[in-house]
C-alpha atoms as a PDB file:
ATOM      1  CA  UNK A   1       4.941 -22.058 -26.311  1.00  0.00           C
ATOM      2  CA  UNK A   2       5.673 -23.428 -23.350  1.00  0.00           C
ATOM      3  CA  UNK A   3       2.764 -25.075 -20.242  1.00  0.00           C
ATOM      4  CA  UNK A   4       3.450 -22.220 -18.659  1.00  0.00           C
ATOM      5  CA  UNK A   5       2.270 -19.547 -20.276  1.00  0.00           C
ATOM      6  CA  UNK A   6      -1.168 -20.424 -22.040  1.00  0.00           C
ATOM      7  CA  UNK A   7      -2.739 -18.856 -25.207  1.00  0.00           C
ATOM      8  CA  UNK A   8      -5.534 -19.166 -26.458  1.00  0.00           C
ATOM      9  CA  UNK A   9      -8.050 -17.145 -29.115  1.00  0.00           C
ATOM     10  CA  UNK A  10     -11.290 -17.238 -29.969  1.00  0.00           C
ATOM     11  CA  UNK A  11     -13.382 -14.931 -32.025  1.00  0.00           C
ATOM     12  CA  UNK A  12     -11.278 -12.124 -31.944  1.00  0.00           C
ATOM     13  CA  UNK A  13     -10.043 -12.555 -28.493  1.00  0.00           C
ATOM     14  CA  UNK A  14      -6.723 -13.325 -26.933  1.00  0.00           C
ATOM     15  CA  UNK A  15      -6.464 -15.434 -23.661  1.00  0.00           C
ATOM     16  CA  UNK A  16      -2.521 -15.277 -22.456  1.00  0.00           C
ATOM     17  CA  UNK A  17      -2.792 -17.265 -19.188  1.00  0.00           C
ATOM     18  CA  UNK A  18       0.467 -17.722 -16.669  1.00  0.00           C
ATOM     19  CA  UNK A  19       0.003 -20.754 -15.380  1.00  0.00           C
ATOM     20  CA  UNK A  20       2.305 -21.682 -12.754  1.00  0.00           C
ATOM     21  CA  UNK A  21      -0.187 -22.084  -9.601  1.00  0.00           C
ATOM     22  CA  UNK A  22       2.430 -23.797  -8.018  1.00  0.00           C
ATOM     23  CA  UNK A  23       4.427 -20.643  -7.753  1.00  0.00           C
ATOM     24  CA  UNK A  24       1.371 -18.309  -7.464  1.00  0.00           C
ATOM     25  CA  UNK A  25       2.099 -17.286 -11.133  1.00  0.00           C
ATOM     26  CA  UNK A  26       5.146 -15.892 -10.578  1.00  0.00           C
ATOM     27  CA  UNK A  27       7.197 -14.351 -13.057  1.00  0.00           C
ATOM     28  CA  UNK A  28      10.356 -15.953 -14.676  1.00  0.00           C
ATOM     29  CA  UNK A  29      12.816 -14.833 -17.349  1.00  0.00           C
ATOM     30  CA  UNK A  30      10.678 -17.208 -20.192  1.00  0.00           C
ATOM     31  CA  UNK A  31       7.753 -16.635 -18.763  1.00  0.00           C
ATOM     32  CA  UNK A  32       7.861 -12.687 -19.757  1.00  0.00           C
ATOM     33  CA  UNK A  33       9.271 -13.473 -23.084  1.00  0.00           C
ATOM     34  CA  UNK A  34       6.740 -15.545 -24.340  1.00  0.00           C
ATOM     35  CA  UNK A  35       3.782 -13.249 -23.004  1.00  0.00           C
ATOM     36  CA  UNK A  36       5.542 -10.491 -24.552  1.00  0.00           C
ATOM     37  CA  UNK A  37       5.829 -12.268 -27.608  1.00  0.00           C
ATOM     38  CA  UNK A  38       2.090 -13.499 -27.570  1.00  0.00           C
ATOM     39  CA  UNK A  39       1.353  -9.565 -27.538  1.00  0.00           C
ATOM     40  CA  UNK A  40       3.523  -8.573 -30.134  1.00  0.00           C
ATOM     41  CA  UNK A  41       2.432 -11.121 -32.303  1.00  0.00           C
ATOM     42  CA  UNK A  42      -1.099 -10.073 -31.667  1.00  0.00           C
ATOM     43  CA  UNK A  43      -0.525  -6.658 -32.386  1.00  0.00           C
ATOM     44  CA  UNK A  44       0.014  -8.410 -35.997  1.00  0.00           C
ATOM     45  CA  UNK A  45      -2.360 -10.649 -36.293  1.00  0.00           C
ATOM     46  CA  UNK A  46      -6.265  -9.464 -37.468  1.00  0.00           C
ATOM     47  CA  UNK A  47      -7.952 -12.410 -35.255  1.00  0.00           C
ATOM     48  CA  UNK A  48      -6.881 -10.467 -32.590  1.00  0.00           C
ATOM     49  CA  UNK A  49      -8.619  -7.743 -31.544  1.00  0.00           C
ATOM     50  CA  UNK A  50      -8.845  -7.762 -27.617  1.00  0.00           C
ATOM     51  CA  UNK A  51      -6.035  -9.441 -24.947  1.00  0.00           C
ATOM     52  CA  UNK A  52      -7.578 -11.003 -21.885  1.00  0.00           C
ATOM     53  CA  UNK A  53      -3.891 -11.727 -19.285  1.00  0.00           C
ATOM     54  CA  UNK A  54      -5.390 -13.640 -16.039  1.00  0.00           C
ATOM     55  CA  UNK A  55      -3.782 -16.479 -13.954  1.00  0.00           C
ATOM     56  CA  UNK A  56      -3.995 -20.378 -13.048  1.00  0.00           C
ATOM     57  CA  UNK A  57      -5.609 -20.786 -10.393  1.00  0.00           C
ATOM     58  CA  UNK A  58      -8.019 -19.292  -7.850  1.00  0.00           C
ATOM     59  CA  UNK A  59      -5.053 -17.841  -5.266  1.00  0.00           C
ATOM     60  CA  UNK A  60      -2.853 -15.765  -8.060  1.00  0.00           C
ATOM     61  CA  UNK A  61      -3.024 -13.844 -10.808  1.00  0.00           C
ATOM     62  CA  UNK A  62       0.758 -13.001 -10.831  1.00  0.00           C
ATOM     63  CA  UNK A  63       3.281 -12.834  -7.797  1.00  0.00           C
ATOM     64  CA  UNK A  64       6.053 -10.893  -9.495  1.00  0.00           C
ATOM     65  CA  UNK A  65       9.593 -12.093 -10.465  1.00  0.00           C
ATOM     66  CA  UNK A  66      10.024 -15.182  -8.877  1.00  0.00           C
ATOM     67  CA  UNK A  67      11.569 -14.732  -5.583  1.00  0.00           C
ATOM     68  CA  UNK A  68      13.168 -18.127  -5.175  1.00  0.00           C
ATOM     69  CA  UNK A  69      14.871 -18.098  -8.623  1.00  0.00           C
ATOM     70  CA  UNK A  70      15.912 -14.703  -8.063  1.00  0.00           C
ATOM     71  CA  UNK A  71      17.791 -15.959  -4.323  1.00  0.00           C
ATOM     72  CA  UNK A  72      19.523 -18.968  -6.765  1.00  0.00           C
ATOM     73  CA  UNK A  73      20.704 -15.837  -9.134  1.00  0.00           C
ATOM     74  CA  UNK A  74      22.036 -14.337  -5.634  1.00  0.00           C
ATOM     75  CA  UNK A  75      23.711 -17.418  -4.328  1.00  0.00           C
ATOM     76  CA  UNK A  76      25.440 -17.775  -7.524  1.00  0.00           C
ATOM     77  CA  UNK A  77      26.993 -14.542  -7.535  1.00  0.00           C
ATOM     78  CA  UNK A  78      24.503 -13.383 -10.415  1.00  0.00           C
ATOM     79  CA  UNK A  79      24.004  -9.393 -10.582  1.00  0.00           C
ATOM     80  CA  UNK A  80      20.219  -8.549 -10.875  1.00  0.00           C
ATOM     81  CA  UNK A  81      20.024  -5.982 -13.652  1.00  0.00           C
ATOM     82  CA  UNK A  82      16.616  -3.944 -13.080  1.00  0.00           C
ATOM     83  CA  UNK A  83      13.876  -3.247 -15.816  1.00  0.00           C
ATOM     84  CA  UNK A  84      16.544  -1.064 -17.742  1.00  0.00           C
ATOM     85  CA  UNK A  85      19.349  -3.471 -17.585  1.00  0.00           C
ATOM     86  CA  UNK A  86      17.836  -5.634 -20.512  1.00  0.00           C
ATOM     87  CA  UNK A  87      18.641  -5.660 -24.222  1.00  0.00           C
ATOM     88  CA  UNK A  88      14.909  -6.460 -24.547  1.00  0.00           C
ATOM     89  CA  UNK A  89      11.972  -4.445 -23.559  1.00  0.00           C
ATOM     90  CA  UNK A  90      10.634  -4.413 -20.427  1.00  0.00           C
ATOM     91  CA  UNK A  91       7.251  -7.218 -20.704  1.00  0.00           C
ATOM     92  CA  UNK A  92       5.195  -3.843 -18.840  1.00  0.00           C
ATOM     93  CA  UNK A  93       6.106  -1.379 -21.245  1.00  0.00           C
ATOM     94  CA  UNK A  94       4.997  -4.664 -23.967  1.00  0.00           C
ATOM     95  CA  UNK A  95       1.819  -4.371 -22.759  1.00  0.00           C
ATOM     96  CA  UNK A  96       1.557  -1.294 -22.337  1.00  0.00           C
ATOM     97  CA  UNK A  97       2.312  -0.178 -26.069  1.00  0.00           C
ATOM     98  CA  UNK A  98       0.315  -3.522 -27.624  1.00  0.00           C
ATOM     99  CA  UNK A  99      -1.712  -2.122 -29.778  1.00  0.00           C
ATOM    100  CA  UNK A 100      -4.936  -4.428 -28.811  1.00  0.00           C
ATOM    101  CA  UNK A 101      -7.452  -3.295 -26.124  1.00  0.00           C
ATOM    102  CA  UNK A 102      -5.926  -5.553 -23.138  1.00  0.00           C
ATOM    103  CA  UNK A 103      -8.057  -6.738 -20.137  1.00  0.00           C
ATOM    104  CA  UNK A 104      -6.384  -7.848 -16.699  1.00  0.00           C
ATOM    105  CA  UNK A 105      -8.634 -10.961 -14.996  1.00  0.00           C
ATOM    106  CA  UNK A 106      -7.859 -10.548 -12.137  1.00  0.00           C
ATOM    107  CA  UNK A 107      -8.900 -13.620 -10.641  1.00  0.00           C
ATOM    108  CA  UNK A 108      -6.107 -13.761  -7.815  1.00  0.00           C
ATOM    109  CA  UNK A 109      -3.623 -11.719  -5.876  1.00  0.00           C
ATOM    110  CA  UNK A 110      -1.965  -8.792  -8.078  1.00  0.00           C
ATOM    111  CA  UNK A 111       1.156  -8.512  -6.444  1.00  0.00           C
ATOM    112  CA  UNK A 112       4.549  -6.501  -7.109  1.00  0.00           C
ATOM    113  CA  UNK A 113       5.467  -7.036 -10.553  1.00  0.00           C
ATOM    114  CA  UNK A 114       1.866  -8.848 -11.182  1.00  0.00           C
ATOM    115  CA  UNK A 115       0.228  -5.726  -9.965  1.00  0.00           C
ATOM    116  CA  UNK A 116       2.246  -3.490 -12.548  1.00  0.00           C
ATOM    117  CA  UNK A 117       1.819  -6.529 -15.621  1.00  0.00           C
ATOM    118  CA  UNK A 118      -2.181  -5.711 -13.894  1.00  0.00           C
ATOM    119  CA  UNK A 119      -1.677  -1.165 -14.401  1.00  0.00           C
ATOM    120  CA  UNK A 120       0.145  -2.429 -17.671  1.00  0.00           C
ATOM    121  CA  UNK A 121      -3.575  -3.057 -19.007  1.00  0.00           C
ATOM    122  CA  UNK A 122      -6.131  -0.775 -20.032  1.00  0.00           C
ATOM    123  CA  UNK A 123      -8.935  -2.504 -17.916  1.00  0.00           C
ATOM    124  CA  UNK A 124      -8.493  -4.579 -14.517  1.00  0.00           C
ATOM    125  CA  UNK A 125     -11.678  -6.974 -13.350  1.00  0.00           C
ATOM    126  CA  UNK A 126     -11.591  -8.502 -10.125  1.00  0.00           C
ATOM    127  CA  UNK A 127     -12.239 -10.736  -7.747  1.00  0.00           C
ATOM    128  CA  UNK A 128     -13.889  -9.002  -4.676  1.00  0.00           C
ATOM    129  CA  UNK A 129     -11.507 -11.448  -2.843  1.00  0.00           C
ATOM    130  CA  UNK A 130      -8.918 -10.008  -4.650  1.00  0.00           C
ATOM    131  CA  UNK A 131      -5.852  -8.159  -2.813  1.00  0.00           C
ATOM    132  CA  UNK A 132      -3.836  -5.949  -4.683  1.00  0.00           C
ATOM    133  CA  UNK A 133      -0.158  -4.221  -3.871  1.00  0.00           C
ATOM    134  CA  UNK A 134       3.392  -3.395  -3.662  1.00  0.00           C
ATOM    135  CA  UNK A 135       5.592  -4.613  -1.450  1.00  0.00           C
ATOM    136  CA  UNK A 136       8.985  -2.973  -3.362  1.00  0.00           C
ATOM    137  CA  UNK A 137       9.871  -0.870  -0.650  1.00  0.00           C
ATOM    138  CA  UNK A 138       9.744  -3.706   1.915  1.00  0.00           C
ATOM    139  CA  UNK A 139      11.644  -6.231  -0.102  1.00  0.00           C
ATOM    140  CA  UNK A 140      14.285  -3.817  -1.431  1.00  0.00           C
ATOM    141  CA  UNK A 141      13.408  -4.159  -4.823  1.00  0.00           C
ATOM    142  CA  UNK A 142      12.545  -0.681  -6.786  1.00  0.00           C
ATOM    143  CA  UNK A 143       9.335  -1.095  -7.991  1.00  0.00           C
ATOM    144  CA  UNK A 144      10.137   1.164 -11.763  1.00  0.00           C
ATOM    145  CA  UNK A 145       6.873   1.171 -13.692  1.00  0.00           C
ATOM    146  CA  UNK A 146       4.677   1.322 -11.193  1.00  0.00           C
ATOM    147  CA  UNK A 147       6.023   4.352  -9.591  1.00  0.00           C
ATOM    148  CA  UNK A 148       5.621   5.976 -13.206  1.00  0.00           C
ATOM    149  CA  UNK A 149       2.050   4.385 -14.099  1.00  0.00           C
ATOM    150  CA  UNK A 150       0.215   4.179 -10.819  1.00  0.00           C
ATOM    151  CA  UNK A 151       0.340   8.057 -10.206  1.00  0.00           C
ATOM    152  CA  UNK A 152      -1.443   8.482 -13.992  1.00  0.00           C
ATOM    153  CA  UNK A 153      -3.753   6.124 -12.802  1.00  0.00           C
ATOM    154  CA  UNK A 154      -5.066   6.787  -9.323  1.00  0.00           C
ATOM    155  CA  UNK A 155      -4.220  10.482  -6.587  1.00  0.00           C
ATOM    156  CA  UNK A 156      -1.033  11.265  -6.022  1.00  0.00           C
ATOM    157  CA  UNK A 157      -1.115  10.462  -2.526  1.00  0.00           C
ATOM    158  CA  UNK A 158      -3.027   7.207  -3.071  1.00  0.00           C
ATOM    159  CA  UNK A 159       0.379   5.782  -5.279  1.00  0.00           C
ATOM    160  CA  UNK A 160       2.274   7.718  -2.663  1.00  0.00           C
ATOM    161  CA  UNK A 161       0.397   5.828   0.254  1.00  0.00           C
ATOM    162  CA  UNK A 162       0.529   2.699  -1.605  1.00  0.00           C
ATOM    163  CA  UNK A 163       4.607   3.089  -2.935  1.00  0.00           C
ATOM    164  CA  UNK A 164       5.839   4.346   0.555  1.00  0.00           C
ATOM    165  CA  UNK A 165       3.618   1.380   2.936  1.00  0.00           C
ATOM    166  CA  UNK A 166       4.145  -1.523   0.599  1.00  0.00           C
ATOM    167  CA  UNK A 167       0.829  -2.988   2.609  1.00  0.00           C
ATOM    168  CA  UNK A 168      -1.514  -4.731   0.070  1.00  0.00           C
ATOM    169  CA  UNK A 169      -5.080  -3.142  -0.305  1.00  0.00           C
ATOM    170  CA  UNK A 170      -8.726  -4.633  -1.072  1.00  0.00           C
ATOM    171  CA  UNK A 171      -9.948  -5.395  -4.575  1.00  0.00           C
ATOM    172  CA  UNK A 172     -12.979  -2.951  -3.278  1.00  0.00           C
ATOM    173  CA  UNK A 173     -10.922  -0.419  -2.520  1.00  0.00           C
ATOM    174  CA  UNK A 174      -8.888  -0.532  -5.747  1.00  0.00           C
ATOM    175  CA  UNK A 175     -12.281   0.130  -7.694  1.00  0.00           C
ATOM    176  CA  UNK A 176     -13.362   2.934  -5.439  1.00  0.00           C
ATOM    177  CA  UNK A 177     -10.096   4.756  -6.839  1.00  0.00           C
ATOM    178  CA  UNK A 178     -10.462   3.609  -9.660  1.00  0.00           C
ATOM    179  CA  UNK A 179      -8.247   1.288 -10.465  1.00  0.00           C
ATOM    180  CA  UNK A 180     -10.277  -1.329 -10.716  1.00  0.00           C
ATOM    181  CA  UNK A 181     -13.123  -1.017 -13.604  1.00  0.00           C
ATOM    182  CA  UNK A 182     -15.364  -4.091 -12.204  1.00  0.00           C
ATOM    183  CA  UNK A 183     -15.495  -5.879  -9.239  1.00  0.00           C
ATOM    184  CA  UNK A 184     -17.464  -9.485  -9.484  1.00  0.00           C
ATOM    185  CA  UNK A 185     -18.293 -12.778  -7.034  1.00  0.00           C
ATOM    186  CA  UNK A 186     -15.507 -14.507  -6.930  1.00  0.00           C
ATOM    187  CA  UNK A 187     -14.792 -17.036  -9.951  1.00  0.00           C
ATOM    188  CA  UNK A 188     -16.982 -14.455 -12.335  1.00  0.00           C
ATOM    189  CA  UNK A 189     -13.912 -12.191 -13.303  1.00  0.00           C
ATOM    190  CA  UNK A 190     -13.813 -14.098 -16.642  1.00  0.00           C
ATOM    191  CA  UNK A 191     -17.238 -14.377 -17.886  1.00  0.00           C
ATOM    192  CA  UNK A 192     -17.217 -10.071 -17.015  1.00  0.00           C
ATOM    193  CA  UNK A 193     -14.267  -9.544 -18.771  1.00  0.00           C
ATOM    194  CA  UNK A 194     -15.621 -12.037 -21.831  1.00  0.00           C
ATOM    195  CA  UNK A 195     -18.612  -9.492 -22.003  1.00  0.00           C
ATOM    196  CA  UNK A 196     -16.729  -6.684 -21.974  1.00  0.00           C
ATOM    197  CA  UNK A 197     -14.065  -7.837 -24.735  1.00  0.00           C
ATOM    198  CA  UNK A 198     -17.086  -8.675 -26.583  1.00  0.00           C
ATOM    199  CA  UNK A 199     -18.453  -5.647 -26.425  1.00  0.00           C
ATOM    200  CA  UNK A 200     -15.074  -3.723 -28.082  1.00  0.00           C
ATOM    201  CA  UNK A 201     -15.112  -7.125 -30.659  1.00  0.00           C
ATOM    202  CA  UNK A 202     -18.376  -5.588 -31.703  1.00  0.00           C
ATOM    203  CA  UNK A 203     -16.761  -2.228 -32.194  1.00  0.00           C
ATOM    204  CA  UNK A 204     -14.051  -0.934 -35.106  1.00  0.00           C
ATOM    205  CA  UNK A 205     -10.932  -2.515 -34.429  1.00  0.00           C
ATOM    206  CA  UNK A 206      -9.055   0.706 -37.008  1.00  0.00           C
ATOM    207  CA  UNK A 207     -10.673   3.339 -34.558  1.00  0.00           C
ATOM    208  CA  UNK A 208     -10.354   0.794 -31.056  1.00  0.00           C
ATOM    209  CA  UNK A 209      -6.225  -0.158 -32.231  1.00  0.00           C
ATOM    210  CA  UNK A 210      -6.324   4.628 -32.346  1.00  0.00           C
ATOM    211  CA  UNK A 211      -8.085   5.390 -28.847  1.00  0.00           C
ATOM    212  CA  UNK A 212      -5.341   3.034 -27.467  1.00  0.00           C
ATOM    213  CA  UNK A 213      -2.011   4.284 -29.369  1.00  0.00           C
ATOM    214  CA  UNK A 214      -3.204   8.168 -28.904  1.00  0.00           C
ATOM    215  CA  UNK A 215      -4.276   7.280 -24.653  1.00  0.00           C
ATOM    216  CA  UNK A 216      -1.160   6.020 -24.469  1.00  0.00           C
ATOM    217  CA  UNK A 217       1.038   8.226 -26.428  1.00  0.00           C
ATOM    218  CA  UNK A 218      -0.333  11.205 -25.249  1.00  0.00           C
ATOM    219  CA  UNK A 219      -0.421  10.940 -21.635  1.00  0.00           C
ATOM    220  CA  UNK A 220       1.989  13.432 -20.261  1.00  0.00           C
ATOM    221  CA  UNK A 221       2.261  15.833 -23.281  1.00  0.00           C
ATOM    222  CA  UNK A 222       1.137  19.690 -23.644  1.00  0.00           C
ATOM    223  CA  UNK A 223      -2.523  19.660 -24.532  1.00  0.00           C
ATOM    224  CA  UNK A 224      -1.295  21.702 -28.083  1.00  0.00           C
ATOM    225  CA  UNK A 225       0.868  18.625 -28.556  1.00  0.00           C
ATOM    226  CA  UNK A 226      -1.404  15.884 -28.095  1.00  0.00           C
ATOM    227  CA  UNK A 227      -4.275  16.691 -30.257  1.00  0.00           C
ATOM    228  CA  UNK A 228      -1.448  16.901 -33.320  1.00  0.00           C
ATOM    229  CA  UNK A 229      -0.594  12.841 -32.975  1.00  0.00           C
ATOM    230  CA  UNK A 230      -2.074  10.840 -35.531  1.00  0.00           C
ATOM    231  CA  UNK A 231      -1.525   7.363 -34.714  1.00  0.00           C
ATOM    232  CA  UNK A 232      -1.685   4.582 -36.298  1.00  0.00           C
ATOM    233  CA  UNK A 233      -4.131   3.823 -39.807  1.00  0.00           C
ATOM    234  CA  UNK A 234      -6.805   6.766 -39.639  1.00  0.00           C
ATOM    235  CA  UNK A 235     -10.577   5.815 -39.180  1.00  0.00           C
ATOM    236  CA  UNK A 236     -11.589   8.833 -40.879  1.00  0.00           C
ATOM    237  CA  UNK A 237      -9.892   7.859 -44.291  1.00  0.00           C
ATOM    238  CA  UNK A 238     -11.301   4.202 -43.539  1.00  0.00           C
ATOM    239  CA  UNK A 239     -13.111   1.421 -45.488  1.00  0.00           C
ATOM    240  CA  UNK A 240     -14.609   0.582 -42.001  1.00  0.00           C
ATOM    241  CA  UNK A 241     -15.850   4.213 -41.678  1.00  0.00           C
ATOM    242  CA  UNK A 242     -17.850   4.135 -44.861  1.00  0.00           C
ATOM    243  CA  UNK A 243     -18.887   0.596 -43.350  1.00  0.00           C
ATOM    244  CA  UNK A 244     -19.804   2.114 -40.437  1.00  0.00           C
ATOM    245  CA  UNK A 245     -22.119   4.843 -41.641  1.00  0.00           C
ATOM    246  CA  UNK A 246     -23.963   2.240 -43.953  1.00  0.00           C
ATOM    247  CA  UNK A 247     -24.604   0.318 -41.216  1.00  0.00           C
ATOM    248  CA  UNK A 248     -25.623   2.836 -38.740  1.00  0.00           C
ATOM    249  CA  UNK A 249     -28.125   3.827 -41.472  1.00  0.00           C
ATOM    250  CA  UNK A 250     -29.663   0.890 -42.767  1.00  0.00           C
ATOM    251  CA  UNK A 251     -29.905  -0.681 -38.800  1.00  0.00           C
ATOM    252  CA  UNK A 252     -27.712  -3.549 -39.193  1.00  0.00           C
ATOM    253  CA  UNK A 253     -24.442  -4.982 -37.019  1.00  0.00           C
ATOM    254  CA  UNK A 254     -21.299  -4.047 -39.348  1.00  0.00           C
ATOM    255  CA  UNK A 255     -19.107  -6.018 -40.922  1.00  0.00           C
ATOM    256  CA  UNK A 256     -15.695  -4.940 -40.214  1.00  0.00           C
ATOM    257  CA  UNK A 257     -12.791  -5.142 -42.410  1.00  0.00           C
ATOM    258  CA  UNK A 258     -10.243  -3.798 -40.627  1.00  0.00           C
ATOM    259  CA  UNK A 259      -9.238  -1.369 -42.602  1.00  0.00           C
END
């Protein structure tokens, strides 16, 4: 991994930090690929049960695509392909479909592709100073992922207004609409995220994976089809289910084996 993406895994929690504070933690293709690889690795790593995403510094969680780099490509007549024009999966799709629970730790503004990265996560923790927004309509861009995911997270009218107007919203408004799970004082976002991550780590990893896969894949499906999804390892048939029952009966903490 490069110095632009920092990866730390402690006590089953993997923290992925975009380390480009001078560029507002903007995404380049290489940075997006490194983050995607770290997520794919986590899928097959039993030492990772929860993933936190954050940015370096206090200014920005992630500002989306690096506009200066894009302008340089335009100057070279390098044609932009868009999110569906790549031979690899888009970073937002990778994060959305990661098996492990994901939490966006918004230490600063999350806009454009950075907003989409946060929206791809299962939960969001934000400092009270944070702003969020999708300015793509003001830049002539597409906000493709946000156009699909945002109406699943907030009422459609709110999603339309955010996408149409391109204005930033406050962390307080994002919390009021259910887009952000918890608000904290500036600088306390990571502590809150780690508190929640510790709760997730204490729970059965097979069950968490089942919940994640079923919720993501069932979204938009007809009810009768969704309730017949049988994604991933069955917790009902797992050793961990037996351990969970025994631990409850014996009034002790379970020792999960992830099988």
